[in-house]
Amino acid sequence: MNAVEKRATRNSATADVVGRELSLRILHLGFEDPMMPGAGGGSVRTHQMNRRIASKGHAVTVLTTRYPGWTARVDEGVHYIPLGFGQGRTRVTRLLGYCLRLPVEVWKRRSTVDLVVEDFFAPFSTMAAPMWTGKPTLGVVQWLHALEKAREYKLPFHWIERAGVRKYRRLIAVSDGTGEQLRRINPEATIDVVANGVDTRALDIPWQLGADIVCLGRLEFEGKGLDLLLKAWGKAMKRIDGDLLIAGSGPDEQKIRDAIAASHLSDRVRLIGWITGPEKFAALGAARLVVVPSRAETFGIVAVEALASGTPVIAFDIPCLREVVPPRCGWLVPPFDVEGLADEIVKRYKDVADLPAVGKEGRKFASNFDWDALAGRQLDAYYEALPDASVRTRRSEGNT
């Protein structure tokens, strides 16, 4: 059992924390609404954690961006409030609307909040929330790739990220690799590592020897390594059967379509759109292999979901992904080696005799990522972020 598995299965130790019985009022700066088409795994984690925390009697409000069709709502006990101007039809308007409205909306709610939780988000990770919330503030780091965005857009997003991380005294990282990055930036901060969980419905997908290769996630051409995957597929597809299915939506969809056409791959590559829930797990379970070609990840939830669905994973050997693709469950390729990725796809595709055993081990590994246990650990971190004075004040308020 590796470090991520141990953290995923560790029981929630709550008895020794002062004020643990206190019902919290949590304001979560979530950025992305899980109901938004194309929403990433970060918003899924936020909801899965929050709905479990809310079920324990805590009040959870999540502030998100607006998007076409947005609505304020209560979803499984979690109150969602989209912020911005207009409908949020583009990434830029969503980002600007959120960033401009967020400090004002948080300040308005400060008297009814015990703890503020900031989800890090693209392109600069954090708005340094501890500086302006007026409340104990904890960061949840599911995204820490500002340097890649800085290179892409030629803007100093990584400077903002670095300065913002240094304002925190407590952070939750979703993997050991992300935790190490945070410690390098801010050695003074307390870092808790709380992994992502997996939907148990994936574990029930019947195993089958599929014909196609699947890649699932946000459609970001460079960041998610789709440029590398298409090059590798161009070298591998003549040696194997089946097609490459790319599932998801995102900002670079047209760029990816253009690259497929320009590389003459249209006959063997299909974009199947954004899928979620049972449809997603069915697609993962029906694949021969799942490929995760990302250049950087903070956790790699798609890899764990694929393993839970019984399908082995091929990924680049980068921090975070190597934590969730152990040797007996899949295969790692030297980072960004296109030839190596192509050869690994061909080799494992043809190795039909071993795939059932690898899939079985992957499913066993993924079953350790239990949302209930992980939500308990995240709630522990929330309590520990509260000063004792805050707990005493709330207790006295409740007794008057």
Protein backbone atom coordinates (compact mmCIF):
# COMPACT_ATOMS: atom_id res chain seq x y z
CA MET A 1 0.00 0.00 0.00
CA ASN A 2 1.55 3.30 -1.08
CA ALA A 3 1.28 6.69 0.66
CA VAL A 4 -1.82 7.74 -1.26
CA GLU A 5 -3.64 4.50 -0.40
CA LYS A 6 -2.73 4.90 3.27
CA ARG A 7 -4.10 8.42 3.32
CA ALA A 8 -7.20 7.36 1.43
CA THR A 9 -8.03 4.63 3.93
CA ARG A 10 -6.95 6.30 7.19
CA ASN A 11 -9.87 6.58 9.60
CA SER A 12 -10.96 10.02 10.73
CA ALA A 13 -9.49 10.68 14.19
CA THR A 14 -11.74 13.26 15.72
CA ALA A 15 -11.85 12.76 19.46
CA ASP A 16 -8.78 14.82 20.36
CA VAL A 17 -9.66 18.04 18.50
CA VAL A 18 -11.24 20.81 20.57
CA GLY A 19 -14.73 21.83 19.47
CA ARG A 20 -15.20 18.91 17.07
CA GLU A 21 -18.90 18.69 17.89
CA LEU A 22 -19.44 22.29 16.71
CA SER A 23 -21.55 22.66 13.56
CA LEU A 24 -19.53 24.76 11.13
CA ARG A 25 -20.64 27.46 8.74
CA ILE A 26 -18.38 26.99 5.74
CA LEU A 27 -18.03 29.37 2.81
CA HIS A 28 -16.31 27.53 -0.03
CA LEU A 29 -14.81 29.60 -2.87
CA GLY A 30 -15.29 26.86 -5.42
CA PHE A 31 -14.79 28.74 -8.73
CA GLU A 32 -16.26 26.02 -10.97
CA ASP A 33 -19.81 24.70 -10.68
CA PRO A 34 -20.02 20.91 -11.16
CA MET A 35 -23.22 21.44 -13.20
CA MET A 36 -21.38 23.54 -15.80
CA PRO A 37 -20.84 21.56 -19.03
CA GLY A 38 -17.17 20.62 -19.25
CA ALA A 39 -16.55 21.13 -15.54
CA GLY A 40 -13.40 19.40 -14.38
CA GLY A 41 -12.65 16.89 -11.65
CA GLY A 42 -11.95 19.67 -9.16
CA SER A 43 -15.58 20.69 -8.95
CA VAL A 44 -16.58 17.04 -8.59
CA ARG A 45 -14.29 16.69 -5.60
CA THR A 46 -15.64 19.91 -4.08
CA HIS A 47 -19.21 18.64 -4.32
CA GLN A 48 -18.49 15.12 -3.13
CA MET A 49 -16.70 16.47 -0.05
CA ASN A 50 -19.25 19.18 0.67
CA ARG A 51 -22.37 17.03 0.37
CA ARG A 52 -20.94 14.62 2.93
CA ILE A 53 -19.90 17.44 5.24
CA ALA A 54 -23.36 19.02 4.90
CA SER A 55 -24.99 15.69 5.75
CA LYS A 56 -23.27 15.87 9.15
CA GLY A 57 -25.15 19.06 9.99
CA HIS A 58 -22.69 21.68 8.72
CA ALA A 59 -23.86 24.62 6.60
CA VAL A 60 -21.94 24.76 3.31
CA THR A 61 -22.22 27.56 0.73
CA VAL A 62 -20.19 27.42 -2.48
CA LEU A 63 -19.49 30.53 -4.57
CA THR A 64 -18.82 29.72 -8.23
CA THR A 65 -18.54 31.40 -11.61
CA ARG A 66 -21.57 32.00 -13.79
CA TYR A 67 -22.10 30.09 -17.02
CA PRO A 68 -24.93 29.88 -19.57
CA GLY A 69 -27.88 28.33 -17.79
CA TRP A 70 -26.51 29.01 -14.30
CA THR A 71 -28.83 29.03 -11.34
CA ALA A 72 -28.53 29.43 -7.58
CA ARG A 73 -29.67 26.20 -5.97
CA VAL A 74 -29.36 23.76 -3.13
CA ASP A 75 -27.89 20.47 -4.34
CA GLU A 76 -27.71 17.57 -1.84
CA GLY A 77 -27.60 20.03 1.05
CA VAL A 78 -24.97 22.30 -0.51
CA HIS A 79 -25.98 25.88 -1.41
CA TYR A 80 -24.51 27.05 -4.75
CA ILE A 81 -24.35 30.77 -5.58
CA PRO A 82 -22.90 31.71 -9.01
CA LEU A 83 -21.09 35.08 -9.14
CA GLY A 84 -20.29 37.33 -12.06
CA PHE A 85 -21.86 39.59 -14.64
CA GLY A 86 -24.34 38.43 -17.27
CA GLN A 87 -24.33 34.80 -18.36
CA GLY A 88 -20.60 34.09 -18.26
CA ARG A 89 -20.48 32.92 -21.85
CA THR A 90 -16.68 32.89 -22.18
CA ARG A 91 -13.75 31.83 -20.00
CA VAL A 92 -12.57 35.43 -19.75
CA THR A 93 -15.93 36.84 -18.64
CA ARG A 94 -16.38 34.00 -16.14
CA LEU A 95 -12.94 34.59 -14.65
CA LEU A 96 -13.25 38.38 -14.49
CA GLY A 97 -16.76 38.30 -13.09
CA TYR A 98 -15.79 35.85 -10.38
CA CYS A 99 -12.59 37.66 -9.36
CA LEU A 100 -14.26 41.07 -9.22
CA ARG A 101 -17.32 39.95 -7.29
CA LEU A 102 -15.74 37.43 -4.95
CA PRO A 103 -14.11 39.70 -2.30
CA VAL A 104 -17.28 41.80 -1.99
CA GLU A 105 -19.54 38.77 -1.65
CA VAL A 106 -17.26 37.14 0.93
CA TRP A 107 -17.08 40.33 2.98
CA LYS A 108 -20.88 40.61 2.98
CA ARG A 109 -21.16 37.10 4.42
CA ARG A 110 -18.32 37.25 6.94
CA SER A 111 -20.57 37.56 10.01
CA THR A 112 -22.28 34.26 9.18
CA VAL A 113 -19.13 32.26 8.42
CA ASP A 114 -16.73 30.27 10.63
CA LEU A 115 -14.31 29.14 7.94
CA VAL A 116 -13.50 30.13 4.37
CA VAL A 117 -12.15 27.47 2.00
CA GLU A 118 -10.52 28.57 -1.27
CA ASP A 119 -10.23 26.13 -4.17
CA PHE A 120 -7.19 26.98 -6.29
CA PHE A 121 -8.07 27.57 -9.96
CA ALA A 122 -6.61 28.45 -13.34
CA PRO A 123 -4.73 30.45 -14.45
CA PHE A 124 -3.03 31.83 -11.29
CA SER A 125 -4.18 29.35 -8.61
CA THR A 126 -5.15 31.64 -5.75
CA MET A 127 -6.47 35.09 -4.97
CA ALA A 128 -4.55 35.06 -1.67
CA ALA A 129 -7.86 34.78 0.19
CA PRO A 130 -6.38 34.88 3.74
CA MET A 131 -5.50 38.53 3.13
CA TRP A 132 -9.10 39.73 2.68
CA THR A 133 -11.67 37.27 4.02
CA GLY A 134 -11.50 38.41 7.63
CA LYS A 135 -12.00 34.79 8.71
CA PRO A 136 -9.87 31.66 9.22
CA THR A 137 -9.07 30.58 5.67
CA LEU A 138 -7.81 27.26 4.34
CA GLY A 139 -6.73 26.47 0.77
CA VAL A 140 -7.63 23.29 -1.12
CA VAL A 141 -5.05 22.75 -3.84
CA GLN A 142 -6.37 20.74 -6.76
CA TRP A 143 -4.65 22.95 -9.33
CA LEU A 144 -1.07 24.25 -9.17
CA HIS A 145 0.03 24.78 -12.75
CA ALA A 146 0.42 28.55 -13.04
CA LEU A 147 3.91 28.17 -14.49
CA GLU A 148 2.52 26.21 -17.45
CA LYS A 149 -0.14 28.89 -17.99
CA ALA A 150 2.52 31.59 -17.74
CA ARG A 151 4.47 29.92 -20.54
CA GLU A 152 1.33 29.50 -22.62
CA TYR A 153 0.05 33.08 -22.27
CA LYS A 154 3.37 34.89 -21.65
CA LEU A 155 1.99 36.40 -18.43
CA PRO A 156 3.50 36.08 -14.90
CA PHE A 157 0.75 33.90 -13.42
CA HIS A 158 3.34 31.90 -11.47
CA TRP A 159 4.37 35.01 -9.52
CA ILE A 160 0.77 35.44 -8.37
CA GLU A 161 0.57 31.76 -7.45
CA ARG A 162 3.78 31.88 -5.43
CA ALA A 163 2.82 35.04 -3.57
CA GLY A 164 -0.66 33.69 -2.83
CA VAL A 165 0.54 30.32 -1.50
CA ARG A 166 2.82 32.14 0.93
CA LYS A 167 -0.18 33.88 2.51
CA TYR A 168 -1.57 30.58 3.77
CA ARG A 169 -0.88 28.90 7.09
CA ARG A 170 -2.86 25.75 6.30
CA LEU A 171 -3.45 23.97 2.99
CA ILE A 172 -4.95 20.70 1.79
CA ALA A 173 -3.14 19.01 -1.11
CA VAL A 174 -4.74 16.19 -3.09
CA SER A 175 -1.49 14.25 -3.50
CA ASP A 176 1.99 13.90 -2.03
CA GLY A 177 3.51 15.44 -5.15
CA THR A 178 1.35 18.54 -4.82
CA GLY A 179 2.11 18.70 -1.11
CA GLU A 180 5.85 18.73 -1.84
CA GLN A 181 5.39 21.58 -4.31
CA LEU A 182 3.53 23.59 -1.70
CA ARG A 183 6.18 22.95 0.94
CA ARG A 184 8.88 24.26 -1.36
CA ILE A 185 6.92 27.47 -1.89
CA ASN A 186 5.78 27.90 1.72
CA PRO A 187 7.80 25.85 4.24
CA GLU A 188 5.91 27.47 7.14
CA ALA A 189 2.48 26.16 6.13
CA THR A 190 0.82 23.05 7.53
CA ILE A 191 -0.01 20.76 4.62
CA ASP A 192 -2.61 17.99 4.92
CA VAL A 193 -2.77 15.46 2.08
CA VAL A 194 -6.34 14.31 1.38
CA ALA A 195 -6.76 12.38 -1.86
CA ASN A 196 -9.74 12.36 -4.20
CA GLY A 197 -12.29 9.59 -3.95
CA VAL A 198 -13.88 7.43 -6.59
CA ASP A 199 -17.55 6.90 -7.34
CA THR A 200 -18.41 3.36 -6.23
CA ARG A 201 -20.57 2.91 -9.34
CA ALA A 202 -17.37 2.52 -11.32
CA LEU A 203 -16.46 -0.56 -9.29
CA ASP A 204 -19.63 -2.30 -10.49
CA ILE A 205 -18.89 -2.02 -14.22
CA PRO A 206 -18.52 -5.56 -15.64
CA TRP A 207 -15.06 -6.22 -17.01
CA GLN A 208 -14.76 -6.61 -20.75
CA LEU A 209 -11.97 -6.75 -23.28
CA GLY A 210 -12.69 -3.61 -25.26
CA ALA A 211 -11.45 -2.68 -28.70
CA ASP A 212 -10.75 1.06 -28.34
CA ILE A 213 -8.33 3.33 -26.51
CA VAL A 214 -9.96 6.05 -24.38
CA CYS A 215 -8.64 9.41 -23.21
CA LEU A 216 -10.99 11.39 -20.97
CA GLY A 217 -10.73 14.86 -19.48
CA ARG A 218 -10.77 18.58 -20.11
CA LEU A 219 -9.85 19.39 -23.71
CA GLU A 220 -6.68 21.39 -23.19
CA PHE A 221 -4.31 20.68 -26.04
CA GLU A 222 -0.91 21.11 -24.39
CA GLY A 223 -1.70 20.91 -20.67
CA LYS A 224 -3.50 17.59 -20.94
CA GLY A 225 -0.93 16.31 -23.43
CA LEU A 226 -3.37 15.75 -26.27
CA ASP A 227 -0.80 17.00 -28.76
CA LEU A 228 1.56 14.25 -27.57
CA LEU A 229 -1.18 11.63 -27.63
CA LEU A 230 -2.16 12.43 -31.21
CA LYS A 231 1.47 12.14 -32.33
CA ALA A 232 1.82 8.83 -30.51
CA TRP A 233 -1.47 7.56 -31.92
CA GLY A 234 -0.31 8.37 -35.43
CA LYS A 235 2.60 5.99 -34.86
CA ALA A 236 0.63 3.29 -33.02
CA MET A 237 -2.65 3.01 -34.89
CA LYS A 238 -1.27 1.13 -37.90
CA ARG A 239 -0.11 -1.67 -35.61
CA ILE A 240 -3.34 -2.27 -33.67
CA ASP A 241 -7.09 -2.42 -34.14
CA GLY A 242 -9.62 -0.12 -32.58
CA ASP A 243 -9.94 3.65 -32.49
CA LEU A 244 -8.85 6.42 -30.17
CA LEU A 245 -11.85 7.94 -28.37
CA ILE A 246 -11.34 11.37 -26.77
CA ALA A 247 -14.07 12.23 -24.27
CA GLY A 248 -14.60 15.64 -22.72
CA SER A 249 -15.06 19.28 -23.54
CA GLY A 250 -12.99 22.38 -23.03
CA PRO A 251 -11.38 25.47 -24.48
CA ASP A 252 -9.25 23.74 -27.12
CA GLU A 253 -11.85 21.52 -28.75
CA GLN A 254 -11.56 23.21 -32.16
CA LYS A 255 -7.78 23.21 -31.95
CA ILE A 256 -7.86 19.47 -31.31
CA ARG A 257 -10.25 18.89 -34.21
CA ASP A 258 -7.94 20.87 -36.49
CA ALA A 259 -4.92 18.87 -35.31
CA ILE A 260 -6.73 15.58 -35.98
CA ALA A 261 -7.59 16.68 -39.49
CA ALA A 262 -4.13 18.06 -40.21
CA SER A 263 -2.53 14.79 -39.08
CA HIS A 264 -4.91 12.70 -41.23
CA LEU A 265 -6.23 10.86 -38.16
CA SER A 266 -9.93 11.48 -38.68
CA ASP A 267 -10.67 7.86 -39.60
CA ARG A 268 -9.21 6.53 -36.33
CA VAL A 269 -9.92 9.29 -33.78
CA ARG A 270 -13.36 10.23 -32.47
CA LEU A 271 -14.34 13.06 -30.16
CA ILE A 272 -17.33 11.78 -28.22
CA GLY A 273 -18.10 14.85 -26.11
CA TRP A 274 -18.59 15.46 -22.42
CA ILE A 275 -19.75 12.38 -20.51
CA THR A 276 -20.41 11.91 -16.83
CA GLY A 277 -21.86 9.46 -14.32
CA PRO A 278 -22.78 5.96 -15.54
CA GLU A 279 -22.08 6.93 -19.15
CA LYS A 280 -18.51 7.88 -18.23
CA PHE A 281 -17.86 4.69 -16.30
CA ALA A 282 -19.36 2.60 -19.09
CA ALA A 283 -17.00 4.24 -21.60
CA LEU A 284 -13.98 3.66 -19.34
CA GLY A 285 -14.98 0.07 -18.66
CA ALA A 286 -15.49 -0.66 -22.37
CA ALA A 287 -11.98 0.50 -23.30
CA ARG A 288 -9.04 -1.82 -23.90
CA LEU A 289 -6.77 0.80 -22.31
CA VAL A 290 -7.11 4.31 -20.89
CA VAL A 291 -4.33 6.77 -21.67
CA VAL A 292 -3.62 9.80 -19.44
CA PRO A 293 -1.02 11.84 -21.38
CA SER A 294 -1.01 14.94 -19.15
CA ARG A 295 2.09 17.07 -18.83
CA ALA A 296 1.13 17.92 -15.24
CA GLU A 297 -1.49 16.78 -12.74
CA THR A 298 -2.26 17.49 -9.11
CA PHE A 299 -3.95 14.10 -8.60
CA GLY A 300 -5.19 12.25 -11.69
CA ILE A 301 -8.81 11.35 -10.93
CA VAL A 302 -9.40 9.95 -14.43
CA ALA A 303 -6.67 7.38 -13.86
CA VAL A 304 -8.28 6.20 -10.61
CA GLU A 305 -11.75 6.10 -12.21
CA ALA A 306 -10.37 4.02 -15.09
CA LEU A 307 -8.76 1.57 -12.66
CA ALA A 308 -12.03 1.39 -10.71
CA SER A 309 -13.78 0.51 -13.97
CA GLY A 310 -11.38 -2.40 -14.47
CA THR A 311 -9.34 -0.85 -17.30
CA PRO A 312 -5.54 -0.57 -17.09
CA VAL A 313 -3.95 2.87 -17.51
CA ILE A 314 -0.94 4.13 -19.46
CA ALA A 315 0.42 7.50 -18.34
CA PHE A 316 3.58 9.55 -18.30
CA ASP A 317 5.82 8.99 -15.30
CA ILE A 318 5.26 12.37 -13.63
CA PRO A 319 4.65 13.35 -10.00
CA CYS A 320 1.09 12.67 -8.86
CA LEU A 321 0.28 10.26 -11.69
CA ARG A 322 2.89 7.80 -10.48
CA GLU A 323 1.06 7.84 -7.13
CA VAL A 324 -2.20 6.63 -8.68
CA VAL A 325 -0.88 4.25 -11.35
CA PRO A 326 1.09 1.63 -9.40
CA PRO A 327 3.10 -0.94 -11.38
CA ARG A 328 0.62 -3.77 -11.00
CA CYS A 329 -2.31 -1.64 -12.23
CA GLY A 330 -0.90 0.07 -15.32
CA TRP A 331 2.25 1.34 -16.98
CA LEU A 332 4.28 4.54 -16.89
CA VAL A 333 6.22 5.95 -19.83
CA PRO A 334 9.19 8.34 -19.58
CA PRO A 335 7.75 11.86 -19.50
CA PHE A 336 6.60 13.19 -22.86
CA ASP A 337 8.30 10.40 -24.87
CA VAL A 338 6.03 10.13 -27.91
CA GLU A 339 7.79 7.06 -29.34
CA GLY A 340 7.71 5.39 -25.94
CA LEU A 341 4.00 6.13 -25.53
CA ALA A 342 3.22 4.71 -28.97
CA ASP A 343 5.20 1.53 -28.29
CA GLU A 344 3.58 1.06 -24.87
CA ILE A 345 0.10 1.41 -26.34
CA VAL A 346 0.86 -1.23 -28.97
CA LYS A 347 2.55 -3.61 -26.52
CA ARG A 348 -0.19 -3.49 -23.91
CA TYR A 349 -3.02 -3.54 -26.46
CA LYS A 350 -1.74 -6.86 -27.78
CA ASP A 351 -1.02 -8.35 -24.35
CA VAL A 352 -4.55 -9.73 -24.06
CA ALA A 353 -3.66 -12.54 -21.66
CA ASP A 354 -2.45 -10.19 -18.90
CA LEU A 355 -5.09 -7.47 -19.13
CA PRO A 356 -7.75 -9.19 -16.93
CA ALA A 357 -5.30 -9.60 -14.03
CA VAL A 358 -4.03 -6.04 -14.35
CA GLY A 359 -7.59 -4.76 -14.44
CA LYS A 360 -8.46 -6.74 -11.31
CA GLU A 361 -5.51 -5.28 -9.41
CA GLY A 362 -6.41 -1.79 -10.58
CA ARG A 363 -9.95 -2.16 -9.31
CA LYS A 364 -8.65 -3.39 -5.95
CA PHE A 365 -6.33 -0.38 -5.68
CA ALA A 366 -9.04 2.11 -6.64
CA SER A 367 -11.48 0.72 -4.05
CA ASN A 368 -9.30 2.30 -1.34
CA PHE A 369 -10.29 5.81 -2.41
CA ASP A 370 -13.43 6.07 -0.32
CA TRP A 371 -15.21 9.44 -0.37
CA ASP A 372 -16.73 9.02 3.10
CA ALA A 373 -13.40 8.44 4.82
CA LEU A 374 -11.74 11.22 2.83
CA ALA A 375 -14.51 13.70 3.64
CA GLY A 376 -13.98 12.91 7.32
CA ARG A 377 -10.30 13.74 6.98
CA GLN A 378 -11.06 16.97 5.17
CA LEU A 379 -13.49 17.95 7.92
CA ASP A 380 -10.75 17.23 10.47
CA ALA A 381 -8.53 19.73 8.68
CA TYR A 382 -11.34 22.30 8.76
CA TYR A 383 -11.67 22.04 12.54
CA GLU A 384 -7.93 22.22 12.99
CA ALA A 385 -7.83 25.44 10.96
CA LEU A 386 -10.11 27.15 13.49
CA PRO A 387 -8.49 29.11 16.31
CA ASP A 388 -9.59 27.99 19.77
CA ALA A 389 -11.00 31.48 20.37
CA SER A 390 -13.31 31.07 17.38
CA VAL A 391 -14.61 27.77 18.74
CA ARG A 392 -15.21 29.24 22.20
CA THR A 393 -17.09 32.21 20.73
CA ARG A 394 -19.42 30.00 18.72
CA ARG A 395 -20.04 27.76 21.72
CA SER A 396 -21.01 30.72 23.88
CA GLU A 397 -23.30 32.02 21.13
CA GLY A 398 -25.03 28.65 20.97
CA ASN A 399 -25.59 28.61 24.71
CA THR A 400 -27.29 32.04 24.93
